[in-house]
Protein backbone atom coordinates (compact mmCIF):
# COMPACT_ATOMS: atom_id res chain seq x y z
CA MET A 1 -32.74 35.63 48.85
CA ILE A 2 -32.35 31.90 48.28
CA VAL A 3 -29.49 32.37 45.92
CA ASP A 4 -27.48 33.98 48.61
CA LYS A 5 -27.90 30.76 50.74
CA ILE A 6 -26.39 28.55 47.76
CA LYS A 7 -22.64 27.84 48.28
CA LYS A 8 -20.45 29.08 45.65
CA ARG A 9 -18.08 26.21 44.24
CA ASP A 10 -14.49 26.78 45.63
CA PRO A 11 -12.34 27.47 42.62
CA SER A 12 -9.53 26.12 44.07
CA PRO A 13 -7.27 23.44 42.38
CA LYS A 14 -8.22 20.91 45.12
CA ASN A 15 -11.78 20.73 43.96
CA LYS A 16 -10.67 20.52 40.47
CA PRO A 17 -10.89 16.81 38.83
CA ASN A 18 -7.73 15.19 38.25
CA ARG A 19 -6.34 15.62 34.68
CA ILE A 20 -4.42 12.73 32.96
CA ASP A 21 -2.01 14.21 30.17
CA ILE A 22 -2.04 11.96 27.31
CA PRO A 23 0.72 12.32 25.15
CA VAL A 24 -0.32 13.79 21.54
CA GLY A 25 0.68 11.41 18.68
CA LYS A 26 1.16 8.53 21.03
CA TRP A 27 -2.30 6.66 20.12
CA ILE A 28 -4.39 5.64 17.15
CA LYS A 29 -8.12 4.42 16.60
CA CYS A 30 -8.59 1.18 14.82
CA ASP A 31 -10.63 1.21 12.22
CA GLY A 32 -11.76 -2.34 12.76
CA CYS A 33 -12.60 -2.72 16.32
CA LYS A 34 -12.75 1.24 17.12
CA GLU A 35 -10.75 0.90 19.89
CA ILE A 36 -7.86 3.11 20.81
CA ILE A 37 -4.29 1.65 20.45
CA TYR A 38 -1.05 2.61 21.85
CA LYS A 39 1.25 3.19 18.46
CA GLU A 40 4.14 1.44 20.06
CA SER A 41 1.93 -1.63 20.33
CA LEU A 42 0.84 -1.44 17.11
CA TRP A 43 4.20 -1.08 15.62
CA SER A 44 5.57 -4.03 17.32
CA ASN A 45 2.62 -6.13 15.78
CA MET A 46 3.84 -5.22 12.46
CA ASN A 47 0.91 -2.79 12.00
CA ILE A 48 -1.94 -5.47 12.97
CA CYS A 49 -4.68 -4.34 15.84
CA PRO A 50 -3.94 -6.58 18.79
CA ASN A 51 -7.42 -6.52 19.85
CA CYS A 52 -9.10 -7.47 16.51
CA GLY A 53 -6.60 -8.33 13.93
CA HIS A 54 -7.43 -5.30 11.60
CA TYR A 55 -4.63 -4.85 9.44
CA PHE A 56 -3.29 -1.18 9.07
CA ARG A 57 -1.66 0.26 5.98
CA MET A 58 2.15 0.38 6.03
CA HIS A 59 4.64 3.10 5.29
CA ILE A 60 7.37 2.24 2.41
CA ASN A 61 10.32 2.15 4.90
CA ARG A 62 8.05 -0.19 7.38
CA ARG A 63 7.24 -2.63 4.58
CA LEU A 64 11.29 -2.59 3.57
CA GLU A 65 12.09 -3.41 7.26
CA GLN A 66 9.58 -6.18 7.29
CA ILE A 67 10.60 -7.77 3.63
CA ILE A 68 13.94 -7.00 3.14
CA ASP A 69 16.95 -8.43 4.85
CA GLU A 70 18.67 -5.53 6.54
CA GLY A 71 21.45 -3.47 5.02
CA THR A 72 20.55 -4.92 1.45
CA TYR A 73 18.02 -2.46 -0.24
CA LYS A 74 19.47 -0.43 -2.87
CA ARG A 75 16.99 2.36 -4.39
CA PHE A 76 16.94 2.95 -7.87
CA ASP A 77 17.76 6.95 -7.95
CA LEU A 78 15.71 8.25 -11.13
CA ASN A 79 16.01 11.83 -11.58
CA ILE A 80 12.53 12.34 -12.94
CA GLU A 81 10.16 14.80 -11.97
CA THR A 82 6.39 14.45 -11.69
CA SER A 83 4.75 16.71 -14.57
CA ASN A 84 1.70 18.73 -14.47
CA PRO A 85 0.29 18.15 -17.98
CA LEU A 86 -2.80 19.37 -17.19
CA GLU A 87 -1.61 22.87 -15.55
CA MET A 88 -3.80 21.99 -12.40
CA GLU A 89 -2.99 24.86 -9.72
CA ASP A 90 -3.54 22.96 -6.58
CA TYR A 91 -1.34 19.67 -8.27
CA THR A 92 2.45 21.05 -7.52
CA ARG A 93 1.38 22.54 -4.34
CA LYS A 94 -0.12 19.10 -3.03
CA LEU A 95 2.76 17.07 -4.04
CA LYS A 96 5.14 19.50 -2.30
CA ALA A 97 3.47 19.17 1.14
CA LEU A 98 2.97 15.24 0.56
CA ARG A 99 6.52 15.21 0.25
CA GLU A 100 7.15 17.00 3.38
CA LYS A 101 4.71 14.85 5.42
CA THR A 102 5.87 11.42 4.04
CA GLY A 103 9.44 11.77 3.42
CA LEU A 104 8.35 9.98 -0.13
CA GLU A 105 9.17 11.41 -3.26
CA GLU A 106 6.41 9.49 -5.00
CA ALA A 107 4.19 6.66 -4.55
CA VAL A 108 6.25 3.89 -5.23
CA ALA A 109 10.04 2.91 -4.07
CA CYS A 110 11.89 0.75 -6.45
CA GLY A 111 15.08 -1.03 -6.06
CA THR A 112 16.80 -4.20 -5.23
CA GLY A 113 17.52 -6.16 -2.07
CA LYS A 114 17.61 -9.71 -0.74
CA ILE A 115 14.90 -11.64 0.89
CA ASN A 116 16.69 -14.18 3.32
CA ASP A 117 19.69 -14.08 1.16
CA GLU A 118 17.76 -14.27 -2.27
CA ASP A 119 18.35 -11.28 -4.99
CA VAL A 120 15.24 -9.59 -5.94
CA VAL A 121 13.95 -6.38 -7.41
CA ILE A 122 11.02 -4.84 -5.33
CA CYS A 123 8.62 -2.24 -5.61
CA ILE A 124 6.38 -1.03 -3.02
CA MET A 125 3.51 1.40 -3.39
CA ASP A 126 2.47 3.46 -0.50
CA SER A 127 -1.13 4.70 -0.05
CA GLY A 128 -0.16 7.92 1.89
CA PHE A 129 0.96 9.36 -1.14
CA LEU A 130 -2.21 10.51 -3.40
CA MET A 131 -3.78 7.12 -2.35
CA GLY A 132 -1.00 5.28 -3.96
CA SER A 133 -2.46 6.81 -7.50
CA MET A 134 -0.28 5.69 -10.80
CA GLY A 135 0.81 8.70 -12.64
CA SER A 136 3.81 9.07 -15.19
CA VAL A 137 6.29 9.29 -12.75
CA VAL A 138 4.87 5.59 -11.12
CA GLY A 139 4.69 3.89 -14.13
CA GLU A 140 8.12 5.00 -15.15
CA LYS A 141 9.41 3.49 -12.07
CA ILE A 142 7.97 0.37 -12.33
CA THR A 143 8.92 -0.20 -15.79
CA TYR A 144 12.33 0.93 -15.17
CA ALA A 145 12.29 -1.83 -12.33
CA ILE A 146 10.93 -4.49 -14.59
CA GLU A 147 13.87 -3.76 -16.96
CA GLN A 148 16.48 -3.97 -14.51
CA ALA A 149 15.04 -7.33 -13.32
CA ILE A 150 15.41 -8.49 -16.96
CA GLU A 151 18.95 -6.97 -17.12
CA LYS A 152 19.87 -8.47 -13.46
CA LYS A 153 17.79 -11.92 -14.30
CA PHE A 154 16.48 -11.08 -10.70
CA PRO A 155 12.85 -12.19 -9.66
CA ILE A 156 10.70 -8.79 -9.01
CA ILE A 157 8.06 -8.48 -6.26
CA ILE A 158 5.64 -5.56 -6.36
CA PHE A 159 3.54 -4.36 -3.67
CA SER A 160 0.60 -2.64 -4.72
CA VAL A 161 -1.78 -0.28 -2.80
CA SER A 162 -3.74 1.92 -4.96
CA GLY A 163 -6.91 3.90 -5.73
CA GLY A 164 -6.21 3.76 -9.75
CA ALA A 165 -4.83 6.03 -12.33
CA ARG A 166 -3.81 9.65 -11.11
CA MET A 167 -6.66 11.67 -12.36
CA GLN A 168 -4.47 14.98 -12.41
CA GLU A 169 -2.06 13.76 -15.60
CA GLY A 170 -5.14 12.69 -17.23
CA ILE A 171 -4.65 10.21 -20.17
CA ILE A 172 -0.75 10.67 -19.25
CA SER A 173 -1.69 8.30 -16.08
CA LEU A 174 -3.91 6.04 -18.08
CA MET A 175 -0.96 5.20 -20.82
CA GLN A 176 1.20 3.78 -17.63
CA MET A 177 -1.19 0.80 -18.00
CA ALA A 178 0.28 -0.18 -21.44
CA LYS A 179 3.45 0.82 -20.53
CA THR A 180 3.92 -1.40 -17.22
CA THR A 181 2.10 -4.58 -19.16
CA SER A 182 4.32 -4.04 -22.04
CA ALA A 183 7.60 -4.09 -19.94
CA LEU A 184 6.17 -7.33 -18.07
CA THR A 185 5.52 -9.19 -21.43
CA LYS A 186 9.28 -8.88 -21.95
CA LEU A 187 9.71 -10.07 -18.28
CA ASP A 188 7.63 -13.53 -18.97
CA GLU A 189 9.46 -13.89 -22.21
CA ALA A 190 13.02 -13.88 -20.39
CA GLY A 191 11.49 -16.53 -18.37
CA LEU A 192 11.87 -14.27 -15.00
CA LEU A 193 9.40 -14.79 -11.97
CA TYR A 194 6.93 -12.02 -11.07
CA ILE A 195 5.43 -12.24 -7.70
CA SER A 196 2.25 -9.62 -7.44
CA VAL A 197 1.48 -8.62 -3.63
CA LEU A 198 -1.85 -7.00 -3.40
CA THR A 199 -2.50 -5.05 -0.16
CA ASP A 200 -5.76 -3.03 0.83
CA PRO A 201 -6.70 -1.31 -1.38
CA THR A 202 -5.95 -2.32 -4.87
CA TYR A 203 -8.13 -0.39 -7.45
CA GLY A 204 -8.44 0.77 -10.74
CA GLY A 205 -5.95 1.12 -13.27
CA VAL A 206 -3.36 -0.48 -11.06
CA THR A 207 -5.77 -3.56 -10.70
CA ALA A 208 -6.27 -3.42 -14.51
CA SER A 209 -2.67 -3.55 -15.25
CA PHE A 210 0.50 -4.86 -13.49
CA ALA A 211 -1.31 -5.94 -10.19
CA SER A 212 -3.31 -8.63 -11.97
CA LEU A 213 -0.28 -9.97 -14.12
CA GLY A 214 1.73 -11.77 -11.75
CA ASP A 215 2.85 -15.45 -11.95
CA ILE A 216 1.81 -15.84 -8.60
CA ILE A 217 -0.68 -13.53 -7.15
CA ILE A 218 -0.75 -13.25 -3.20
CA SER A 219 -2.74 -10.99 -1.04
CA GLU A 220 -3.18 -9.97 2.64
CA PRO A 221 -6.12 -10.98 4.41
CA LYS A 222 -9.28 -9.08 3.87
CA ALA A 223 -7.61 -6.52 1.38
CA MET A 224 -10.25 -4.98 -1.00
CA ILE A 225 -9.10 -5.42 -4.60
CA GLY A 226 -11.11 -4.54 -7.56
CA PHE A 227 -11.53 -2.02 -10.66
CA ALA A 228 -14.67 -0.15 -9.73
CA GLY A 229 -15.86 0.48 -6.34
CA GLN A 230 -19.02 -1.76 -5.09
CA ARG A 231 -21.42 1.22 -5.27
CA VAL A 232 -20.42 2.27 -8.90
CA ILE A 233 -21.08 -1.47 -9.94
CA GLU A 234 -24.13 -1.95 -8.51
CA GLN A 235 -25.30 1.56 -9.83
CA THR A 236 -24.20 0.10 -13.50
CA ILE A 237 -25.55 -3.43 -13.13
CA GLY A 238 -28.65 -2.22 -11.08
CA GLU A 239 -28.11 -5.52 -8.82
CA LYS A 240 -27.22 -6.00 -5.23
CA LEU A 241 -23.28 -7.52 -5.20
CA PRO A 242 -22.65 -10.88 -3.50
CA GLU A 243 -21.39 -10.56 0.28
CA GLY A 244 -17.86 -10.21 0.71
CA PHE A 245 -17.62 -8.91 -3.19
CA GLN A 246 -13.91 -7.40 -3.84
CA THR A 247 -12.35 -8.80 -0.41
CA ALA A 248 -9.34 -11.29 -0.93
CA GLU A 249 -11.12 -14.21 0.54
CA PHE A 250 -14.00 -13.78 -1.89
CA LEU A 251 -11.25 -13.51 -4.99
CA LEU A 252 -9.26 -16.36 -3.84
CA GLU A 253 -12.64 -18.64 -3.91
CA HIS A 254 -13.24 -17.56 -7.46
CA GLY A 255 -9.54 -17.99 -8.63
CA PHE A 256 -8.42 -14.40 -9.01
CA ILE A 257 -5.36 -14.71 -6.56
CA ASP A 258 -3.28 -17.65 -5.42
CA LYS A 259 -3.03 -17.40 -1.90
CA ILE A 260 -3.79 -15.09 1.01
CA VAL A 261 -0.60 -14.45 3.27
CA GLU A 262 -0.68 -13.09 6.74
CA ARG A 263 1.85 -10.34 7.21
CA LYS A 264 3.95 -12.18 9.75
CA ASP A 265 4.48 -15.01 7.02
CA LEU A 266 4.92 -12.76 3.99
CA LYS A 267 8.97 -12.55 4.13
CA GLU A 268 9.23 -16.42 4.47
CA THR A 269 6.57 -17.22 1.84
CA LEU A 270 7.91 -14.79 -0.53
CA SER A 271 11.67 -16.54 0.16
CA LYS A 272 10.44 -20.05 -0.57
CA LEU A 273 8.74 -19.16 -3.91
CA ILE A 274 11.78 -17.56 -5.12
CA LYS A 275 13.65 -20.59 -4.25
CA TYR A 276 11.09 -23.11 -5.91
CA HIS A 277 11.19 -21.17 -8.94
CA LYS A 278 14.98 -21.16 -9.14
CA THR A 279 14.95 -24.94 -8.92
CA ASN A 280 12.58 -25.50 -11.65
């Protein structure tokens, strides 16, 4: 039979294709150019794609390394627990899992530090913790940081990245908008500087409160900034939105933000703004 004349493939290793062992967790796909990037290359380039310049989101600790002088950061240790006012079954379990995964207690870290030897109070939000959503603890931490800035007479810088108010805490999360806004009013009355830094994405109740109230508002390139998403707006008004709507570049053109600053220039820009404010 013809089948008997077909030579069977030798299963020995010499005829097997060469395998290339790629270490797990060493590579990441860029959302911009879709290329696979070696994580060490990304890390050394300030979490910016070396191929297309796409900005990756940053962990709080990485952001602190970039902005704050080494050895000067002192975190505010607030012993407050995240509440579960709606008694949602999965909420507590999700918080525990996120704490183990990210090494963070909540979606924001606040403390004092120095930027090129200039004293500041700094708050940094992290998208890896429930998309940087603002619940009762986030609102309390930011409010406390503002109050500390008033007491110490330090400028305050807040890095925002958020999907908005935290739905798992209902009306309690929405109250944080008023609380943080009230604290910033007192900061303004004290004549102290507040710099708001918007990163991708900044949406919802965070945009509608403290993120939009800076004396100076700056943004990273191509960050998406707004209240509601584009699809929701288009469905509401029944019209197509302009190209680039809600990008940092669009908002700069229309006067919502003051300056777009590349990540490599952020620390120097912030220190210059602080020094300029001290002399005026």
